[in-house]
Protein backbone atom coordinates (compact mmCIF):
# COMPACT_ATOMS: atom_id res chain seq x y z
CA MET A 1 102.50 114.18 125.52
CA THR A 2 102.87 113.03 121.93
CA ARG A 3 99.90 113.81 119.70
CA THR A 4 99.13 111.25 117.01
CA ILE A 5 97.84 112.59 113.69
CA LEU A 6 96.50 110.49 110.81
CA VAL A 7 96.53 112.17 107.39
CA THR A 8 94.91 110.30 104.52
CA GLY A 9 96.12 110.88 100.98
CA ALA A 10 99.47 112.16 102.24
CA ARG A 11 101.66 111.32 99.26
CA ARG A 12 101.61 114.72 97.54
CA GLY A 13 99.68 117.94 97.00
CA ILE A 14 97.43 119.13 99.79
CA GLY A 15 97.87 115.99 101.90
CA ALA A 16 101.65 116.19 101.82
CA ALA A 17 101.64 119.90 102.66
CA LEU A 18 99.31 119.36 105.61
CA ALA A 19 101.37 116.44 106.92
CA VAL A 20 104.60 118.40 106.79
CA GLY A 21 102.88 121.48 108.20
CA LEU A 22 101.57 119.54 111.18
CA ALA A 23 104.93 117.89 111.87
CA GLY A 24 107.01 118.90 114.85
CA PRO A 25 108.37 117.68 118.17
CA ASP A 26 105.85 115.65 120.19
CA VAL A 27 103.93 114.74 117.04
CA ALA A 28 103.58 111.21 115.64
CA LEU A 29 102.26 111.20 112.09
CA VAL A 30 100.55 108.29 110.36
CA LEU A 31 100.75 108.92 106.62
CA HIS A 32 98.26 107.06 104.46
CA HIS A 33 98.76 106.36 100.75
CA LEU A 34 97.71 103.99 98.00
CA ALA A 35 100.39 102.56 95.69
CA ALA A 36 102.71 105.54 96.15
CA ALA A 37 105.43 104.24 98.46
CA ASP A 38 108.26 106.36 97.05
CA GLU A 39 106.30 109.60 97.16
CA VAL A 40 104.99 109.13 100.68
CA ALA A 41 108.43 108.03 101.91
CA ALA A 42 109.78 111.41 100.83
CA VAL A 43 106.97 113.15 102.74
CA ALA A 44 107.76 111.05 105.82
CA GLU A 45 111.39 112.16 105.66
CA GLN A 46 110.31 115.82 105.57
CA CYS A 47 108.14 115.21 108.63
CA ARG A 48 111.03 113.58 110.49
CA ALA A 49 113.29 116.48 109.55
CA ALA A 50 110.77 118.74 111.32
CA GLY A 51 111.15 116.67 114.48
CA ALA A 52 108.11 114.40 114.18
CA GLN A 53 107.82 110.66 114.24
CA ALA A 54 106.35 109.38 110.97
CA ARG A 55 105.18 106.05 109.70
CA VAL A 56 103.48 105.02 106.49
CA VAL A 57 100.38 102.86 106.00
CA GLU A 58 98.96 101.76 102.65
CA ALA A 59 95.23 101.20 102.20
CA ASP A 60 92.61 101.28 99.46
CA LEU A 61 89.93 103.53 100.93
CA SER A 62 87.33 102.24 98.48
CA ALA A 63 87.41 98.92 100.38
CA PRO A 64 85.78 99.12 103.85
CA ALA A 65 87.91 96.25 105.16
CA GLN A 66 91.07 98.18 104.31
CA VAL A 67 89.67 101.32 105.91
CA HIS A 68 89.21 99.38 109.14
CA SER A 69 92.73 97.98 108.78
CA LEU A 70 94.07 101.51 108.43
CA ALA A 71 92.28 102.55 111.62
CA GLU A 72 93.71 99.56 113.46
CA ALA A 73 97.21 100.27 112.17
CA ALA A 74 96.96 103.93 113.22
CA GLY A 75 95.87 103.05 116.74
CA PRO A 76 94.53 105.78 119.05
CA VAL A 77 94.80 109.17 117.34
CA ASP A 78 94.24 112.73 118.47
CA VAL A 79 93.73 114.27 115.04
CA LEU A 80 92.21 112.74 111.90
CA VAL A 81 92.63 114.62 108.61
CA ASN A 82 90.36 113.08 105.97
CA ASN A 83 92.12 114.47 102.92
CA ALA A 84 92.18 111.54 100.47
CA ALA A 85 89.73 111.92 97.61
CA ARG A 86 88.76 110.31 94.35
CA ALA A 87 88.55 112.85 91.53
CA SER A 88 85.76 112.45 89.00
CA ASN A 89 85.23 114.53 85.89
CA VAL A 90 82.64 112.23 84.33
CA TRP A 91 79.70 114.30 83.12
CA LEU A 92 76.05 113.43 83.66
CA ASP A 93 75.36 111.90 80.24
CA GLU A 94 78.22 109.42 80.75
CA LEU A 95 77.98 108.93 84.51
CA SER A 96 77.58 105.30 85.54
CA LEU A 97 76.31 104.04 88.86
CA ALA A 98 79.69 102.36 89.38
CA GLU A 99 81.50 105.71 88.98
CA TRP A 100 79.08 107.38 91.38
CA GLU A 101 79.48 104.68 94.02
CA ALA A 102 83.27 104.51 93.68
CA THR A 103 83.53 108.27 94.23
CA PHE A 104 81.28 108.20 97.28
CA ALA A 105 83.15 105.21 98.71
CA VAL A 106 86.40 107.15 99.00
CA ASN A 107 85.09 110.67 99.52
CA VAL A 108 82.29 110.02 102.03
CA THR A 109 82.15 106.43 103.28
CA ALA A 110 85.84 106.16 104.15
CA PRO A 111 85.84 109.38 106.25
CA MET A 112 82.71 108.14 108.03
CA LEU A 113 84.25 104.73 108.77
CA LEU A 114 87.52 106.23 109.99
CA SER A 115 85.69 108.71 112.21
CA GLN A 116 83.51 105.92 113.58
CA ALA A 117 86.50 103.68 114.26
CA LEU A 118 88.66 106.35 115.88
CA ALA A 119 86.09 108.37 117.84
CA ALA A 120 86.14 106.13 120.93
CA GLY A 121 89.92 106.46 121.20
CA MET A 122 89.63 110.23 120.93
CA ARG A 123 87.07 110.23 123.75
CA ARG A 124 89.35 108.17 125.98
CA ARG A 125 92.14 110.68 125.32
CA GLY A 126 89.95 113.61 126.36
CA GLY A 127 88.66 114.55 122.92
CA GLY A 128 90.16 114.99 119.49
CA ARG A 129 89.99 116.80 116.19
CA ILE A 130 88.54 115.62 112.88
CA ILE A 131 89.18 117.73 109.79
CA ASN A 132 87.46 116.82 106.53
CA VAL A 133 88.81 118.30 103.31
CA THR A 134 85.90 119.25 101.08
CA SER A 135 85.87 121.50 98.00
CA ALA A 136 84.74 124.88 96.73
CA THR A 137 83.03 122.99 93.90
CA VAL A 138 80.16 122.36 96.33
CA ARG A 139 79.34 126.06 96.29
CA MET A 140 80.07 126.48 92.60
CA GLY A 141 78.53 123.32 91.18
CA GLY A 142 81.68 122.50 89.21
CA PRO A 143 83.91 122.34 87.29
CA SER A 144 84.27 118.72 88.49
CA GLY A 145 81.64 116.14 87.61
CA PRO A 146 78.41 115.51 89.52
CA SER A 147 79.68 112.55 91.54
CA TYR A 148 82.65 114.51 92.91
CA VAL A 149 80.67 117.65 93.71
CA SER A 150 77.87 115.65 95.33
CA SER A 151 80.30 113.59 97.40
CA LYS A 152 82.02 116.68 98.73
CA ALA A 153 78.63 118.18 99.62
CA ALA A 154 77.80 114.97 101.49
CA LEU A 155 81.10 115.30 103.34
CA ILE A 156 79.94 118.68 104.65
CA GLY A 157 76.74 117.06 105.89
CA LEU A 158 78.80 114.35 107.56
CA THR A 159 80.99 117.00 109.18
CA ARG A 160 77.99 118.68 110.79
CA ALA A 161 76.42 115.41 111.91
CA LEU A 162 79.68 114.25 113.50
CA ALA A 163 80.18 117.62 115.18
CA HIS A 164 76.77 117.22 116.80
CA ALA A 165 77.41 113.59 117.79
CA LEU A 166 80.97 113.92 119.07
CA GLY A 167 80.88 117.35 120.67
CA PRO A 168 79.88 116.00 124.09
CA ASP A 169 83.03 113.86 124.03
CA GLY A 170 85.26 116.89 123.49
CA THR A 171 85.91 116.12 119.82
CA THR A 172 85.47 118.86 117.25
CA VAL A 173 84.72 118.20 113.59
CA ASN A 174 85.26 120.80 110.89
CA ALA A 175 85.62 120.95 107.12
CA LEU A 176 88.35 122.71 105.20
CA SER A 177 87.18 123.96 101.80
CA PRO A 178 90.15 124.77 99.55
CA GLY A 179 89.63 126.93 96.51
CA ALA A 180 91.46 126.54 93.22
CA VAL A 181 94.73 125.25 94.65
CA ARG A 182 97.48 124.48 92.17
CA THR A 183 98.38 120.80 92.60
CA GLU A 184 99.60 117.84 90.59
CA GLY A 185 96.00 116.68 90.45
CA GLU A 186 94.94 119.85 88.65
CA ARG A 187 97.49 119.17 85.96
CA GLU A 188 96.48 115.52 85.68
CA LEU A 189 92.82 116.38 85.23
CA ALA A 190 93.88 118.52 82.27
CA ALA A 191 95.93 115.69 80.74
CA GLY A 192 94.82 114.57 77.33
CA ARG A 193 93.11 117.82 76.41
CA PRO A 194 94.61 121.10 75.30
CA VAL A 195 94.79 123.61 78.13
CA ASP A 196 95.91 127.21 77.89
CA GLU A 197 97.41 127.55 81.36
CA ALA A 198 97.65 131.32 81.16
CA ALA A 199 93.98 131.57 80.23
CA GLN A 200 93.05 129.08 82.94
CA ASP A 201 94.96 131.08 85.56
CA ALA A 202 93.35 134.31 84.39
CA ALA A 203 89.88 132.80 84.67
CA ILE A 204 90.57 131.58 88.20
CA LEU A 205 92.09 134.86 89.34
CA ALA A 206 89.10 136.76 87.98
CA ARG A 207 86.97 134.90 90.55
CA GLN A 208 89.37 135.47 93.48
CA ALA A 209 89.83 138.53 95.64
CA VAL A 210 93.46 137.52 96.19
CA ARG A 211 95.10 137.86 92.78
CA ARG A 212 97.55 134.99 92.85
CA ARG A 213 97.24 131.26 92.40
CA LEU A 214 97.06 129.38 95.67
CA ASP A 215 99.27 126.43 96.56
CA PRO A 216 98.87 123.73 99.23
CA ASP A 217 100.98 125.61 101.78
CA ASP A 218 98.26 128.29 101.91
CA LEU A 219 96.08 125.78 103.76
CA VAL A 220 98.53 124.80 106.46
CA SER A 221 97.99 127.53 109.06
CA THR A 222 94.22 126.99 109.05
CA VAL A 223 94.61 123.25 109.58
CA ARG A 224 97.17 123.83 112.33
CA PHE A 225 94.58 125.90 114.16
CA LEU A 226 91.75 123.40 113.62
CA ALA A 227 94.03 120.61 114.88
CA SER A 228 95.14 122.56 117.95
CA PRO A 229 93.76 122.59 121.50
CA GLN A 230 92.94 126.28 120.98
CA SER A 231 90.18 125.44 118.45
CA GLY A 232 87.97 123.72 121.02
CA ALA A 233 85.05 126.15 120.52
CA VAL A 234 85.01 125.75 116.72
CA THR A 235 83.02 122.80 115.40
CA GLY A 236 80.61 121.97 112.59
CA GLN A 237 82.10 124.71 110.43
CA VAL A 238 83.20 124.89 106.81
CA ILE A 239 86.35 127.02 106.67
CA GLU A 240 86.98 128.34 103.18
CA VAL A 241 90.56 129.01 102.14
CA GLY A 242 90.15 130.07 98.56
CA GLY A 243 91.60 133.53 98.23
CA GLY A 244 88.09 134.99 98.25
CA LEU A 245 86.83 132.77 95.45
CA VAL A 246 83.33 134.00 94.70
CA LEU A 247 80.54 133.26 92.25
CA ARG A 248 79.99 135.84 89.55
């Protein structure tokens, strides 16, 4: 039986790595993006090369109507990976209500709406898997701005509430908490200000037990397990993949 997997924010970075890592025979991937057709098309080709079916759907997750349209376009799914996120490095003294609400719309409301829309289909298919990508900044309090950190903390709360609500239907809900993963987004957040990459790497490695920078592929095996039938007894958990990132 073909398993259908929806990955939001699949155009690059963590989302692209997870999509390609989940690809294989008997898998049909729905790859979500926003205004990144060329990038996500390349990811779709990698998924097809791994033997999966792959199609692309564009949606602005800050707009509830488009979130519902994405769910309708995806159809019944077995696995939902809520990876798409809105970054926010706006500090408290400059933080507007609009910035706060825009961050929560993508990072919390959209995962809730997708889970709500797709849960019934998962139940009819005997249960499913929902994986929410949160962030180590929840535990650390930064370095991202308050709206991002707070939204990712709310996503953990949503994960636990959904696990409680959907468990009787055979659907598990877990959160993946990546550490300091080297992505295009990391470099973009540093744009416009001088960054000593060597010093930045040294500071990150000083907080990790594993003394190398992580990349998106480091997350794939964990998500494969959480998406698999073998993970049926694991739900409501936050799985940290951060190389032993610790507070000091």
